[in-house]
């Protein structure tokens, strides 16, 4: 009987620990909706950040090439996924 109770307690403890662990999201990547997120750079970007941390791209000139694995030329989109800004490259 004691082994059964100890086993049940161990399983319960593992479940509680697993449920309470949360992923820490840096403030510059946190979001609630897709519109909270913007590209993390000015040219050939493959990451995103919170709008509050948007890069200053005024006067920046970028090449017109479609660099693979970036948001260039519609190769992806920016989304808020589980509270974190992500560049979803297709």
C-alpha atoms as a PDB file:
ATOM      1  CA  UNK A   1       0.000   0.000   0.000  1.00  0.00           C
ATOM      2  CA  UNK A   2       2.852   2.388   0.857  1.00  0.00           C
ATOM      3  CA  UNK A   3       4.490   1.747  -2.541  1.00  0.00           C
ATOM      4  CA  UNK A   4       1.208   2.556  -4.283  1.00  0.00           C
ATOM      5  CA  UNK A   5       0.833   5.861  -2.425  1.00  0.00           C
ATOM      6  CA  UNK A   6       4.484   6.817  -3.015  1.00  0.00           C
ATOM      7  CA  UNK A   7       4.138   5.968  -6.713  1.00  0.00           C
ATOM      8  CA  UNK A   8       0.982   8.056  -6.959  1.00  0.00           C
ATOM      9  CA  UNK A   9       2.711  10.986  -5.243  1.00  0.00           C
ATOM     10  CA  UNK A  10       5.700  10.760  -7.582  1.00  0.00           C
ATOM     11  CA  UNK A  11       3.462  10.708 -10.673  1.00  0.00           C
ATOM     12  CA  UNK A  12       1.452  13.648  -9.317  1.00  0.00           C
ATOM     13  CA  UNK A  13       4.627  15.619  -8.591  1.00  0.00           C
ATOM     14  CA  UNK A  14       5.974  15.015 -12.102  1.00  0.00           C
ATOM     15  CA  UNK A  15       2.658  16.158 -13.570  1.00  0.00           C
ATOM     16  CA  UNK A  16       2.598  19.328 -11.449  1.00  0.00           C
ATOM     17  CA  UNK A  17       6.197  20.209 -12.342  1.00  0.00           C
ATOM     18  CA  UNK A  18       5.576  19.615 -16.059  1.00  0.00           C
ATOM     19  CA  UNK A  19       2.468  21.807 -16.019  1.00  0.00           C
ATOM     20  CA  UNK A  20       4.058  24.700 -14.143  1.00  0.00           C
ATOM     21  CA  UNK A  21       7.177  25.053 -16.305  1.00  0.00           C
ATOM     22  CA  UNK A  22       6.726  27.899 -18.730  1.00  0.00           C
ATOM     23  CA  UNK A  23       8.917  29.092 -21.542  1.00  0.00           C
ATOM     24  CA  UNK A  24      10.540  32.425 -20.784  1.00  0.00           C
ATOM     25  CA  UNK A  25      10.005  34.770 -23.728  1.00  0.00           C
ATOM     26  CA  UNK A  26      12.335  37.756 -24.000  1.00  0.00           C
ATOM     27  CA  UNK A  27      10.543  41.107 -23.797  1.00  0.00           C
ATOM     28  CA  UNK A  28      11.665  42.075 -27.309  1.00  0.00           C
ATOM     29  CA  UNK A  29       9.918  38.972 -28.733  1.00  0.00           C
ATOM     30  CA  UNK A  30       6.721  38.961 -26.630  1.00  0.00           C
ATOM     31  CA  UNK A  31       3.331  39.499 -28.279  1.00  0.00           C
ATOM     32  CA  UNK A  32      -0.394  38.943 -27.938  1.00  0.00           C
ATOM     33  CA  UNK A  33      -1.451  39.244 -31.599  1.00  0.00           C
ATOM     34  CA  UNK A  34       0.285  39.097 -35.002  1.00  0.00           C
ATOM     35  CA  UNK A  35       0.234  42.889 -35.351  1.00  0.00           C
ATOM     36  CA  UNK A  36       2.475  43.186 -32.273  1.00  0.00           C
ATOM     37  CA  UNK A  37       5.328  41.777 -34.391  1.00  0.00           C
ATOM     38  CA  UNK A  38       7.520  43.309 -37.101  1.00  0.00           C
ATOM     39  CA  UNK A  39      10.678  42.266 -38.992  1.00  0.00           C
ATOM     40  CA  UNK A  40      13.775  42.267 -36.759  1.00  0.00           C
ATOM     41  CA  UNK A  41      15.911  43.998 -39.369  1.00  0.00           C
ATOM     42  CA  UNK A  42      15.751  46.122 -42.468  1.00  0.00           C
ATOM     43  CA  UNK A  43      17.071  43.911 -45.279  1.00  0.00           C
ATOM     44  CA  UNK A  44      16.749  40.180 -45.966  1.00  0.00           C
ATOM     45  CA  UNK A  45      15.253  39.482 -42.544  1.00  0.00           C
ATOM     46  CA  UNK A  46      14.605  36.012 -41.124  1.00  0.00           C
ATOM     47  CA  UNK A  47      13.453  36.958 -37.619  1.00  0.00           C
ATOM     48  CA  UNK A  48      10.912  39.223 -35.927  1.00  0.00           C
ATOM     49  CA  UNK A  49      10.572  41.351 -32.802  1.00  0.00           C
ATOM     50  CA  UNK A  50       7.899  43.194 -30.867  1.00  0.00           C
ATOM     51  CA  UNK A  51       6.773  46.434 -32.520  1.00  0.00           C
ATOM     52  CA  UNK A  52       8.239  48.369 -29.584  1.00  0.00           C
ATOM     53  CA  UNK A  53      11.706  47.111 -30.652  1.00  0.00           C
ATOM     54  CA  UNK A  54      11.283  47.724 -34.398  1.00  0.00           C
ATOM     55  CA  UNK A  55      14.530  48.626 -36.167  1.00  0.00           C
ATOM     56  CA  UNK A  56      14.961  52.124 -37.563  1.00  0.00           C
ATOM     57  CA  UNK A  57      15.082  51.603 -41.341  1.00  0.00           C
ATOM     58  CA  UNK A  58      14.562  55.163 -42.596  1.00  0.00           C
ATOM     59  CA  UNK A  59      17.006  55.910 -45.405  1.00  0.00           C
ATOM     60  CA  UNK A  60      18.189  52.292 -45.549  1.00  0.00           C
ATOM     61  CA  UNK A  61      18.762  50.882 -49.039  1.00  0.00           C
ATOM     62  CA  UNK A  62      18.384  47.144 -49.602  1.00  0.00           C
ATOM     63  CA  UNK A  63      19.112  45.041 -52.658  1.00  0.00           C
ATOM     64  CA  UNK A  64      16.094  43.850 -54.605  1.00  0.00           C
ATOM     65  CA  UNK A  65      17.172  40.189 -54.609  1.00  0.00           C
ATOM     66  CA  UNK A  66      15.068  37.445 -53.059  1.00  0.00           C
ATOM     67  CA  UNK A  67      17.480  35.964 -50.537  1.00  0.00           C
ATOM     68  CA  UNK A  68      16.517  32.374 -49.632  1.00  0.00           C
ATOM     69  CA  UNK A  69      15.272  31.644 -46.096  1.00  0.00           C
ATOM     70  CA  UNK A  70      14.211  35.238 -45.442  1.00  0.00           C
ATOM     71  CA  UNK A  71      10.940  37.144 -45.562  1.00  0.00           C
ATOM     72  CA  UNK A  72      11.979  38.505 -48.989  1.00  0.00           C
ATOM     73  CA  UNK A  73       9.526  38.161 -51.871  1.00  0.00           C
ATOM     74  CA  UNK A  74       6.755  36.645 -49.789  1.00  0.00           C
ATOM     75  CA  UNK A  75       8.814  33.639 -48.642  1.00  0.00           C
ATOM     76  CA  UNK A  76       7.232  33.856 -45.220  1.00  0.00           C
ATOM     77  CA  UNK A  77       5.202  35.893 -42.787  1.00  0.00           C
ATOM     78  CA  UNK A  78       5.415  37.175 -39.256  1.00  0.00           C
ATOM     79  CA  UNK A  79       3.152  35.634 -36.628  1.00  0.00           C
ATOM     80  CA  UNK A  80       2.616  35.718 -32.891  1.00  0.00           C
ATOM     81  CA  UNK A  81       2.984  32.072 -31.864  1.00  0.00           C
ATOM     82  CA  UNK A  82       2.300  31.148 -28.236  1.00  0.00           C
ATOM     83  CA  UNK A  83       3.138  34.691 -27.124  1.00  0.00           C
ATOM     84  CA  UNK A  84       6.366  34.989 -29.133  1.00  0.00           C
ATOM     85  CA  UNK A  85       7.066  36.853 -32.377  1.00  0.00           C
ATOM     86  CA  UNK A  86       8.230  34.399 -35.046  1.00  0.00           C
ATOM     87  CA  UNK A  87       9.177  34.679 -38.699  1.00  0.00           C
ATOM     88  CA  UNK A  88       7.466  31.752 -40.403  1.00  0.00           C
ATOM     89  CA  UNK A  89       9.651  31.080 -43.453  1.00  0.00           C
ATOM     90  CA  UNK A  90       8.021  28.811 -46.047  1.00  0.00           C
END
